[in-house]
């Protein structure tokens, strides 16, 4: 009987996520200077200038400075990726740049990142996701976000297409081919040691996958808090 139930759950569309999770953070600790990587890969984040906050579901981390936020050493995938999180902007002053989550190399180059807005590259004052593909920084744009409002943001790349999902729904996609830049560090609610981007954000349920999730998988992840 138990076996039958398990079989039904496995076959149910959207019930499971692919086994390509590289990092996942629930930020449930609520105290201390580190937060665990729930994927089991050991990418424990040091909070640095990030502080504990109320998240989308349970705990989260915030940063209102130009400091490093929460970070850890991280070898980014080069063939395909998905990064996602629940993100709440705390400020969106026109023309400013706010980095919520990213994979960055030791020289300070952005390899994959979610900016609630970016005023120093591309179209300003709207959600911007950047990926360094074949050595060039590419952008995909979302809507203007709202201060104090949680939005689930997911960006995927499968080697030829960048796709952006907002609140579990396909928003836009763009064709770019090549390999991703090899980030050295993951930064959440913060930036890298070289740049001085502001953050002004609260982040919860952040995940990185080494594959491009499907629309169904993105929706499932959005609805399933990191355990």
Protein backbone atom coordinates (compact mmCIF):
# COMPACT_ATOMS: atom_id res chain seq x y z
CA UNK A 1 0.00 0.00 0.00
CA UNK A 2 2.79 2.39 0.87
CA UNK A 3 4.53 1.49 -2.36
CA UNK A 4 1.42 2.38 -4.36
CA UNK A 5 1.14 5.79 -2.76
CA UNK A 6 4.81 6.53 -3.41
CA UNK A 7 4.41 5.58 -7.07
CA UNK A 8 1.51 8.00 -7.50
CA UNK A 9 3.50 10.84 -5.93
CA UNK A 10 6.49 10.29 -8.19
CA UNK A 11 4.35 10.30 -11.32
CA UNK A 12 2.34 13.36 -10.38
CA UNK A 13 3.39 16.27 -12.67
CA UNK A 14 5.29 18.95 -10.84
CA UNK A 15 5.55 16.93 -7.63
CA UNK A 16 9.34 16.57 -7.76
CA UNK A 17 12.33 18.65 -8.78
CA UNK A 18 15.34 17.44 -10.81
CA UNK A 19 18.33 16.10 -8.92
CA UNK A 20 20.55 18.95 -10.14
CA UNK A 21 20.30 21.22 -7.10
CA UNK A 22 23.67 22.81 -6.31
CA UNK A 23 22.70 25.12 -3.44
CA UNK A 24 19.55 25.91 -1.47
CA UNK A 25 18.93 28.22 1.46
CA UNK A 26 15.88 28.50 3.73
CA UNK A 27 17.51 31.02 6.10
CA UNK A 28 15.65 29.34 8.94
CA UNK A 29 18.37 29.65 11.59
CA UNK A 30 17.40 33.16 12.64
CA UNK A 31 20.62 33.75 14.57
CA UNK A 32 24.36 33.28 14.24
CA UNK A 33 26.71 34.24 11.43
CA UNK A 34 26.11 31.40 8.94
CA UNK A 35 23.21 29.73 7.14
CA UNK A 36 23.24 26.13 5.92
CA UNK A 37 23.13 24.86 2.36
CA UNK A 38 20.10 22.54 2.33
CA UNK A 39 21.24 20.91 -0.94
CA UNK A 40 23.88 18.92 0.97
CA UNK A 41 26.76 20.30 -1.11
CA UNK A 42 28.24 22.29 1.73
CA UNK A 43 28.02 25.85 0.38
CA UNK A 44 27.45 27.34 3.82
CA UNK A 45 26.88 31.08 3.60
CA UNK A 46 28.62 33.54 5.91
CA UNK A 47 26.30 36.45 6.57
CA UNK A 48 28.95 39.21 6.45
CA UNK A 49 26.77 42.36 6.21
CA UNK A 50 23.48 40.49 5.79
CA UNK A 51 21.10 40.38 8.75
CA UNK A 52 18.31 38.00 9.71
CA UNK A 53 14.84 39.07 8.64
CA UNK A 54 11.31 37.82 8.22
CA UNK A 55 11.24 35.91 4.96
CA UNK A 56 8.51 34.93 2.54
CA UNK A 57 7.99 31.69 4.47
CA UNK A 58 9.83 31.68 7.78
CA UNK A 59 13.21 33.37 7.91
CA UNK A 60 15.10 35.39 5.35
CA UNK A 61 18.14 37.64 5.06
CA UNK A 62 18.30 41.36 4.38
CA UNK A 63 21.01 43.84 3.46
CA UNK A 64 20.71 47.61 3.17
CA UNK A 65 24.41 48.31 2.62
CA UNK A 66 27.00 48.09 -0.15
CA UNK A 67 28.68 45.25 1.75
CA UNK A 68 28.99 41.63 0.75
CA UNK A 69 25.74 40.37 2.26
CA UNK A 70 25.75 36.57 2.59
CA UNK A 71 28.38 34.73 0.54
CA UNK A 72 30.38 31.56 0.00
CA UNK A 73 32.88 30.09 -2.41
CA UNK A 74 31.02 28.53 -5.32
CA UNK A 75 32.00 26.93 -8.62
CA UNK A 76 29.26 27.88 -11.07
CA UNK A 77 28.09 25.52 -13.82
CA UNK A 78 29.02 26.53 -17.37
CA UNK A 79 26.57 24.60 -19.59
CA UNK A 80 23.20 25.37 -18.03
CA UNK A 81 21.77 26.97 -14.89
CA UNK A 82 18.73 28.06 -12.94
CA UNK A 83 18.89 30.61 -10.13
CA UNK A 84 15.78 31.60 -8.21
CA UNK A 85 14.54 33.18 -5.00
CA UNK A 86 11.73 35.06 -3.36
CA UNK A 87 12.91 38.69 -3.39
CA UNK A 88 11.48 41.78 -1.71
CA UNK A 89 13.01 45.15 -2.70
CA UNK A 90 13.51 47.56 0.20
CA UNK A 91 14.36 50.55 -2.00
CA UNK A 92 14.10 51.31 -5.72
CA UNK A 93 15.47 54.82 -6.21
CA UNK A 94 15.53 55.68 -9.92
CA UNK A 95 18.91 55.22 -11.57
CA UNK A 96 20.39 53.16 -8.73
CA UNK A 97 21.68 49.59 -8.90
CA UNK A 98 20.58 46.90 -6.44
CA UNK A 99 22.00 43.36 -6.53
CA UNK A 100 19.84 40.71 -4.88
CA UNK A 101 21.60 37.47 -5.80
CA UNK A 102 24.50 36.50 -8.02
CA UNK A 103 27.40 34.28 -9.01
CA UNK A 104 30.50 36.42 -9.36
CA UNK A 105 34.13 35.73 -10.25
CA UNK A 106 37.12 36.79 -8.17
CA UNK A 107 37.77 39.75 -10.46
CA UNK A 108 34.34 41.17 -9.70
CA UNK A 109 32.70 40.17 -12.99
CA UNK A 110 29.04 39.21 -12.85
CA UNK A 111 28.48 35.73 -14.28
CA UNK A 112 24.82 35.19 -13.34
CA UNK A 113 22.84 37.72 -11.30
CA UNK A 114 19.44 39.10 -10.39
CA UNK A 115 19.26 42.88 -9.97
CA UNK A 116 15.98 44.34 -8.69
CA UNK A 117 17.06 47.19 -10.93
CA UNK A 118 20.34 48.21 -12.56
CA UNK A 119 21.21 51.79 -13.42
CA UNK A 120 24.76 51.28 -14.70
CA UNK A 121 24.14 48.76 -17.51
CA UNK A 122 21.29 48.15 -19.94
CA UNK A 123 17.76 49.36 -19.29
CA UNK A 124 17.48 51.05 -15.90
CA UNK A 125 14.79 50.99 -13.20
CA UNK A 126 13.33 47.57 -14.04
CA UNK A 127 14.21 44.03 -13.01
CA UNK A 128 17.37 42.95 -14.83
CA UNK A 129 19.01 39.53 -14.92
CA UNK A 130 22.53 39.28 -16.32
CA UNK A 131 24.42 36.24 -17.59
CA UNK A 132 27.97 36.21 -18.96
CA UNK A 133 27.67 34.01 -22.05
CA UNK A 134 30.62 33.34 -24.36
CA UNK A 135 32.49 36.13 -22.61
CA UNK A 136 29.83 38.83 -23.09
CA UNK A 137 27.39 40.10 -20.48
CA UNK A 138 23.82 39.53 -21.65
CA UNK A 139 20.64 40.93 -20.14
CA UNK A 140 17.04 39.85 -19.86
CA UNK A 141 14.47 42.25 -18.43
CA UNK A 142 11.41 41.94 -16.28
CA UNK A 143 8.89 44.46 -14.98
CA UNK A 144 9.47 47.29 -12.55
CA UNK A 145 9.23 45.78 -9.08
CA UNK A 146 7.46 47.29 -6.05
CA UNK A 147 9.12 48.20 -2.78
CA UNK A 148 7.92 45.93 0.02
CA UNK A 149 6.33 43.34 -2.30
CA UNK A 150 7.59 39.76 -2.53
CA UNK A 151 8.22 38.50 -6.07
CA UNK A 152 9.49 35.06 -7.04
CA UNK A 153 12.18 35.46 -9.70
CA UNK A 154 13.74 32.59 -11.64
CA UNK A 155 16.15 32.83 -14.56
CA UNK A 156 17.27 29.80 -16.57
CA UNK A 157 19.81 29.17 -19.33
CA UNK A 158 20.02 25.94 -21.35
CA UNK A 159 22.98 26.76 -23.59
CA UNK A 160 20.99 28.65 -26.19
CA UNK A 161 18.10 30.46 -24.46
CA UNK A 162 17.71 32.64 -21.37
CA UNK A 163 14.25 32.42 -19.84
CA UNK A 164 12.80 34.60 -17.09
CA UNK A 165 9.91 33.53 -14.86
CA UNK A 166 8.01 35.92 -12.60
CA UNK A 167 5.91 34.36 -9.83
CA UNK A 168 6.15 30.98 -11.51
CA UNK A 169 4.96 32.18 -14.92
CA UNK A 170 7.01 32.62 -18.09
CA UNK A 171 7.67 36.32 -18.56
CA UNK A 172 10.11 36.46 -21.50
CA UNK A 173 12.98 34.63 -23.18
CA UNK A 174 15.92 35.55 -25.39
CA UNK A 175 18.29 33.56 -27.60
CA UNK A 176 22.01 33.57 -26.74
CA UNK A 177 24.40 30.66 -27.29
CA UNK A 178 27.62 29.75 -25.54
CA UNK A 179 29.03 28.73 -22.19
CA UNK A 180 28.54 30.62 -18.95
CA UNK A 181 31.30 32.42 -17.10
CA UNK A 182 32.80 30.42 -14.25
CA UNK A 183 31.78 32.27 -11.12
CA UNK A 184 33.87 31.81 -7.98
CA UNK A 185 31.42 33.07 -5.37
CA UNK A 186 27.73 33.09 -4.60
CA UNK A 187 26.36 36.31 -3.11
CA UNK A 188 22.85 36.64 -1.67
CA UNK A 189 21.42 39.96 -0.49
CA UNK A 190 24.77 41.50 -1.30
CA UNK A 191 27.58 41.71 -3.83
CA UNK A 192 31.20 40.71 -4.29
CA UNK A 193 34.34 42.01 -2.53
CA UNK A 194 35.38 44.13 -5.54
CA UNK A 195 32.20 46.03 -6.52
CA UNK A 196 30.18 48.27 -4.24
CA UNK A 197 26.65 47.58 -5.45
CA UNK A 198 23.91 48.34 -2.98
CA UNK A 199 21.50 45.57 -2.07
CA UNK A 200 18.39 47.00 -0.38
CA UNK A 201 16.63 43.66 -0.47
CA UNK A 202 15.29 40.75 1.55
CA UNK A 203 15.76 37.26 0.09
CA UNK A 204 14.25 33.87 0.95
CA UNK A 205 14.26 30.34 -0.49
CA UNK A 206 17.24 30.89 -2.77
CA UNK A 207 18.26 28.01 -5.03
CA UNK A 208 20.81 27.24 -7.76
CA UNK A 209 20.44 24.31 -10.18
CA UNK A 210 22.94 23.10 -12.78
CA UNK A 211 20.17 22.64 -15.36
CA UNK A 212 17.53 24.87 -16.92
CA UNK A 213 14.31 24.02 -15.11
CA UNK A 214 11.08 23.68 -17.07
CA UNK A 215 8.12 25.96 -16.45
CA UNK A 216 6.45 23.23 -14.39
CA UNK A 217 9.59 22.73 -12.30
CA UNK A 218 9.96 26.47 -11.68
CA UNK A 219 6.34 26.65 -10.52
CA UNK A 220 6.86 23.64 -8.25
CA UNK A 221 9.98 25.16 -6.70
CA UNK A 222 8.23 28.48 -6.15
CA UNK A 223 5.45 26.70 -4.25
CA UNK A 224 7.83 24.53 -2.22
CA UNK A 225 9.86 26.32 0.46
CA UNK A 226 13.43 25.10 0.93
CA UNK A 227 13.30 22.43 3.63
